[in-house]
Amino acid sequence: MECADGTVVHAEFVAGADGQHGAARASAPWELFTEYRMQHEFRWLTLLAEAPPSSDSTIYAVHPAGFAGHLLRSDTVTRFHLQVPFADTVDDWPDDRIWHELRIRLAQPGWTLNEGPVFSKNMLEMQSKVCEPMRHGRVFLLGDAAHIITPSGGKGMNLAMADAAELDAVLARFAESGDETDLDVYSARASPTSGRRRSSATRSST
């Protein structure tokens, strides 16, 4: 495998689990791949606030006004997510508006939302991408190198672990058989476009 900076990796197999900007993905001949993309119609405003967690656990709230998330960071800092219109910018969301929406979307009887200064605000693009196939020769793409999905519920981590388990099984079969066609099974089984939902994705050549 030859990396973008000219570095050459000599190995019988390469498992590229180094993310969407890593060497494995950059070394792939992308004219041979197809990428499927889905752009969601909203964004997440992601926040860090100097506020103690209001719960001992992560909270994902579904509300008519949109999604809200409460995530634990430390004893004094909490991360929040707010679903916002796609065209909104960080400047559209001053602290007073943020806390107003969080109070509404996370409201529960007898529960109090701890508030404090917001010291970090970013807009998170809610876009999913999947490449197919997930293999070129003996270079195999795993996790974010092969597919990016929206960051909720640990799904990205779970898919990466499933990719690793599938590749382990494929290489074990190949070690026994020596049949190169056994390697084709990895992409066929691991690719989210093959075994998971892709009906609403937009296909584009990369």
Protein backbone atom coordinates (compact mmCIF):
# COMPACT_ATOMS: atom_id res chain seq x y z
CA MET A 1 0.00 0.00 0.00
CA GLU A 2 1.35 3.44 -0.96
CA CYS A 3 0.27 6.35 1.24
CA ALA A 4 -0.43 9.87 0.00
CA ASP A 5 2.94 11.09 1.34
CA GLY A 6 4.80 8.40 -0.58
CA THR A 7 5.26 6.02 2.34
CA VAL A 8 4.98 2.39 1.20
CA VAL A 9 3.59 -0.24 3.57
CA HIS A 10 4.62 -3.83 2.89
CA ALA A 11 2.27 -6.36 4.46
CA GLU A 12 0.30 -9.44 3.53
CA PHE A 13 -2.88 -7.64 4.60
CA VAL A 14 -3.67 -4.07 5.67
CA ALA A 15 -6.62 -3.27 7.91
CA GLY A 16 -7.32 0.41 7.38
CA ALA A 17 -9.08 1.50 10.57
CA ASP A 18 -7.55 4.97 10.62
CA GLY A 19 -10.63 7.08 9.88
CA GLN A 20 -12.00 8.99 6.89
CA HIS A 21 -8.85 11.12 6.62
CA GLY A 22 -6.38 8.28 7.21
CA ALA A 23 -3.72 6.74 5.00
CA ALA A 24 -5.73 3.64 4.04
CA ARG A 25 -8.64 5.60 2.58
CA ALA A 26 -6.33 8.11 0.87
CA SER A 27 -4.36 5.30 -0.79
CA ALA A 28 -7.43 3.70 -2.36
CA PRO A 29 -7.99 4.12 -6.13
CA TRP A 30 -11.28 6.00 -5.75
CA GLU A 31 -12.19 5.74 -9.42
CA LEU A 32 -13.00 2.10 -8.60
CA PHE A 33 -15.26 2.96 -5.67
CA THR A 34 -18.77 4.30 -5.34
CA GLU A 35 -19.76 6.54 -2.46
CA TYR A 36 -23.30 6.86 -1.16
CA ARG A 37 -24.22 10.03 0.71
CA MET A 38 -27.22 11.20 2.67
CA GLN A 39 -27.44 14.82 3.79
CA HIS A 40 -29.93 15.33 6.59
CA GLU A 41 -32.24 18.33 6.51
CA PHE A 42 -31.01 19.68 9.83
CA ARG A 43 -27.85 20.18 11.86
CA TRP A 44 -26.88 19.66 15.46
CA LEU A 45 -25.73 22.59 17.54
CA THR A 46 -23.20 20.99 19.89
CA LEU A 47 -22.40 22.73 23.16
CA LEU A 48 -20.15 22.52 26.18
CA ALA A 49 -21.40 24.30 29.28
CA GLU A 50 -19.92 24.91 32.70
CA ALA A 51 -22.83 23.14 34.35
CA PRO A 52 -22.86 19.97 36.47
CA PRO A 53 -24.67 17.06 34.81
CA SER A 54 -28.41 17.11 35.46
CA SER A 55 -28.60 13.31 35.36
CA ASP A 56 -26.40 10.32 36.03
CA SER A 57 -26.93 9.09 32.47
CA THR A 58 -27.04 10.25 28.87
CA ILE A 59 -30.41 11.62 27.76
CA TYR A 60 -31.71 11.61 24.18
CA ALA A 61 -34.98 13.55 24.00
CA VAL A 62 -37.42 13.55 21.08
CA HIS A 63 -39.62 16.64 21.06
CA PRO A 64 -41.88 18.27 18.44
CA ALA A 65 -39.40 21.16 18.36
CA GLY A 66 -36.53 18.78 17.58
CA PHE A 67 -33.98 16.49 19.19
CA ALA A 68 -32.03 17.42 22.32
CA GLY A 69 -29.19 15.55 23.98
CA HIS A 70 -27.60 15.71 27.45
CA LEU A 71 -24.21 13.94 27.66
CA LEU A 72 -21.92 13.51 30.64
CA ARG A 73 -18.44 15.04 30.51
CA SER A 74 -17.25 15.76 34.05
CA ASP A 75 -18.53 16.81 37.46
CA THR A 76 -18.62 20.41 36.29
CA VAL A 77 -19.08 20.24 32.49
CA THR A 78 -21.96 18.89 30.40
CA ARG A 79 -22.27 18.49 26.63
CA PHE A 80 -25.57 19.24 24.95
CA HIS A 81 -26.93 18.72 21.43
CA LEU A 82 -29.78 20.65 19.84
CA GLN A 83 -31.36 19.88 16.49
CA VAL A 84 -31.56 23.15 14.56
CA PRO A 85 -32.62 24.19 11.02
CA PHE A 86 -30.02 23.47 8.36
CA ALA A 87 -29.50 27.14 7.49
CA ASP A 88 -28.89 28.25 11.09
CA THR A 89 -25.47 29.41 12.25
CA VAL A 90 -23.90 29.55 15.70
CA ASP A 91 -24.67 33.27 15.80
CA ASP A 92 -28.38 32.47 15.62
CA TRP A 93 -28.15 30.73 18.99
CA PRO A 94 -27.22 33.02 21.89
CA ASP A 95 -27.04 31.40 25.32
CA ASP A 96 -30.52 32.56 26.41
CA ARG A 97 -32.13 30.89 23.40
CA ILE A 98 -30.12 27.71 23.94
CA TRP A 99 -31.21 27.29 27.55
CA HIS A 100 -34.81 28.14 26.67
CA GLU A 101 -34.89 25.33 24.08
CA LEU A 102 -33.10 22.84 26.31
CA ARG A 103 -35.56 23.48 29.14
CA ILE A 104 -38.47 22.82 26.77
CA ARG A 105 -37.08 19.76 25.00
CA LEU A 106 -35.63 18.03 28.07
CA ALA A 107 -38.51 18.85 30.45
CA GLN A 108 -39.63 16.12 32.83
CA PRO A 109 -41.83 16.43 35.93
CA GLY A 110 -39.69 16.90 39.04
CA TRP A 111 -36.45 17.22 37.05
CA THR A 112 -34.23 20.30 36.99
CA LEU A 113 -31.83 21.27 34.22
CA ASN A 114 -28.53 22.58 35.58
CA GLU A 115 -27.42 25.65 33.63
CA GLY A 116 -24.20 27.61 33.31
CA PRO A 117 -21.98 29.54 30.90
CA VAL A 118 -21.68 27.99 27.44
CA PHE A 119 -18.00 28.04 26.46
CA SER A 120 -18.07 26.03 23.22
CA LYS A 121 -20.56 26.08 20.32
CA ASN A 122 -20.22 24.27 17.01
CA MET A 123 -22.48 23.23 14.16
CA LEU A 124 -22.26 19.52 13.40
CA GLU A 125 -23.07 18.42 9.86
CA MET A 126 -25.49 15.51 9.93
CA GLN A 127 -24.28 13.58 6.92
CA SER A 128 -23.83 9.87 6.29
CA LYS A 129 -21.35 8.41 3.78
CA VAL A 130 -20.67 4.83 2.76
CA CYS A 131 -18.12 3.62 0.21
CA GLU A 132 -18.40 0.41 -1.76
CA PRO A 133 -16.56 -1.89 -1.95
CA MET A 134 -14.77 -1.82 1.42
CA ARG A 135 -11.76 -3.63 0.01
CA HIS A 136 -9.15 -3.09 -2.68
CA GLY A 137 -6.84 -6.03 -3.15
CA ARG A 138 -5.56 -6.84 0.31
CA VAL A 139 -6.35 -3.43 1.80
CA PHE A 140 -9.54 -3.56 3.86
CA LEU A 141 -11.39 -0.47 5.09
CA LEU A 142 -12.96 -0.60 8.55
CA GLY A 143 -15.03 1.82 10.61
CA ASP A 144 -14.92 5.49 9.65
CA ALA A 145 -12.52 4.74 6.79
CA ALA A 146 -15.41 2.95 5.08
CA HIS A 147 -18.55 4.58 6.44
CA ILE A 148 -19.43 7.75 8.34
CA ILE A 149 -22.79 7.96 10.07
CA THR A 150 -24.48 10.44 12.35
CA PRO A 151 -22.94 10.43 15.87
CA SER A 152 -25.62 8.98 18.10
CA GLY A 153 -25.97 5.88 20.22
CA GLY A 154 -22.41 4.69 19.59
CA LYS A 155 -23.46 3.32 16.20
CA GLY A 156 -20.18 4.26 14.54
CA MET A 157 -18.20 2.38 17.17
CA ASN A 158 -20.52 -0.63 16.91
CA LEU A 159 -20.16 -0.76 13.13
CA ALA A 160 -16.37 -0.55 13.41
CA MET A 161 -16.32 -3.45 15.86
CA ALA A 162 -18.59 -5.45 13.57
CA ASP A 163 -16.22 -4.75 10.65
CA ALA A 164 -13.26 -5.99 12.70
CA ALA A 165 -15.10 -9.17 13.68
CA GLU A 166 -16.10 -9.83 10.07
CA LEU A 167 -12.56 -9.26 8.79
CA ASP A 168 -11.18 -11.62 11.45
CA ALA A 169 -13.57 -14.35 10.29
CA VAL A 170 -12.75 -13.75 6.62
CA LEU A 171 -8.99 -13.91 7.18
CA ALA A 172 -9.40 -17.08 9.22
CA ARG A 173 -11.28 -18.71 6.36
CA PHE A 174 -8.67 -17.57 3.89
CA ALA A 175 -5.86 -18.96 6.07
CA GLU A 176 -7.53 -22.37 5.88
CA SER A 177 -8.51 -22.36 2.21
CA GLY A 178 -5.95 -20.14 0.50
CA ASP A 179 -8.75 -19.17 -1.87
CA GLU A 180 -8.63 -15.47 -2.81
CA THR A 181 -12.38 -15.45 -3.47
CA ASP A 182 -12.92 -15.92 0.28
CA LEU A 183 -11.64 -12.35 0.71
CA ASP A 184 -14.54 -11.01 -1.37
CA VAL A 185 -16.95 -11.98 1.39
CA TYR A 186 -15.72 -9.16 3.64
CA SER A 187 -17.12 -6.28 1.62
CA ALA A 188 -20.27 -8.19 0.71
CA ARG A 189 -21.12 -8.80 4.36
CA ALA A 190 -19.61 -5.80 6.11
CA SER A 191 -20.71 -3.01 3.76
CA PRO A 192 -23.65 -1.06 5.19
CA THR A 193 -24.90 -0.62 1.62
CA SER A 194 -25.18 -4.37 1.28
CA GLY A 195 -26.58 -5.47 4.60
CA ARG A 196 -27.99 -2.26 6.06
CA ARG A 197 -30.26 0.55 4.93
CA ARG A 198 -29.30 2.55 1.85
CA SER A 199 -32.64 3.24 0.20
CA SER A 200 -32.56 6.98 0.93
CA ALA A 201 -28.88 7.53 0.12
CA THR A 202 -27.72 9.47 -2.94
CA ARG A 203 -25.24 7.65 -5.13
CA SER A 204 -22.25 9.50 -6.49
CA SER A 205 -18.95 8.47 -8.03
CA THR A 206 -15.87 9.66 -6.17
